[in-house]
Amino acid sequence: MVLAAPSSARPPRDAHKIDELELARWLEMHVEDCRGGGRVSALQFKGGQSNPTYWVGFTGNDGHEAQFVLRKKPPGQLLPSAHAVEREYRVIHALGEANVPVPRAIALCDDSSILGTPFFMMNYVPGRIFWDPRLLDVASSEERRAIYDDLVRALAMLHQVDYAAASLVDYGRVGGFVERQVARWSKQYEASRTSEVPAMEALLTHLRSHVPQNDETTLVHGDYRLDNVIIAPDRPKALAIIDWELSTLGHPISDLAYLCMGYHLALPGRGSLVGADLKGLGIPSEAEVIEAYCQHTGRGGIEHWPYFMAFGIFRLAAIAQGVYKRSLQGNASSDQASMYGAAVFALADLGCSMLGIRY
């Protein structure tokens, strides 16, 4: 039998090629399924742009086969705290012990001499990743609704983990998350400002002066959306939450708000639920997602929901402004980076409208 690589994996880009012989030797020493040695094939997934991510197929000298996922720091000079795959490994390992749906953490290598940068191995989870939130490739409205229901259930499971019991009490700062995030992204925006955006100024001022007082701290994913969850190939079940590089201790409603962004706008490279026939598709409304989350977490409701949504949009606008400034300097990574300048105006206006702000 020959291992079949997933269709989303391709030969690694030149800058991201890894030494398969060296990896095979390391796996033989550190991974139980690879004892006895064998051959390795490594292909790169199209996602995971920040930390390169690979499908690894292993064929043992005795003929047995295994599949893994390898995630590593990119090559080159990095900021000390950036691309912390060691941190990702730590949280995935802890959450697996807490029965949150994540890939199984297998082994961490912090020795850069093996593959050039630190990396970790986790099990390969076969399944579906949906980039379009309308789930047009799903056959029935009943299955679409069930997928969204389980997406919310998985998020609720994450937020109910006792981070102290999971030895993650030092995984971030306890308390004050929203205030710190507003300050951080305000600073980022100010540093990349290229023109006056009245809506952005009004939004920034409001967010600074109306930080919700109902502070909470849980583990948060930081980038929780449909395409960061692997759905089972044959049923509407969330098998594994992936891409944990932005995870920390924070306010859980920030995750829920980010999940609901698609009801209001289209994120780059992804579809949108704006204007979609939700009832016909079987996809729950934003209000139904909030209600389901409250049921799973035992909440009576969500306070300050417009604020959290507006903050999420402000964060996106600040990111867009940074991309736009880099495009003006001629070093942005996207050929379409200049389009982000218009996005800043549109996003800021949307955030203001959510809060009823006139400017």
Foldseek 3Di string as FASTA:
>chain_A
DDDDDDPQWAADDPQQDWDFVLVQVVCCVFFPVSPQTFGKDWTWGPDPPQWTKIWIWTQHPVGDIFIKMKTWGGDDDDDPLGPPQVLVLLVQCLVVVLVQQAFHWRDWDQDCVRTNGTMTITGDDDFDFAQELLPPVDDALVQSALLLLQLLLSLLSQQPDPCVVSVCCVQADAKPFQLVLLVVLVVLLVVLDDDDQPLLVQLSVCSNVCPDPPFDKGKAQQQRERRQFGAHHPGSHGRHGDDRRRIGIGGSVLRLLNHQVLCPDADPPGHGCPPPPCVRSNHDDSVVSQVSNCVSNVHPGDPPNLSSNLSNLSSVLSVLSNLCSVVVVPHHPDPCSVVSVVVNNVSSVVSCVSVVHDD
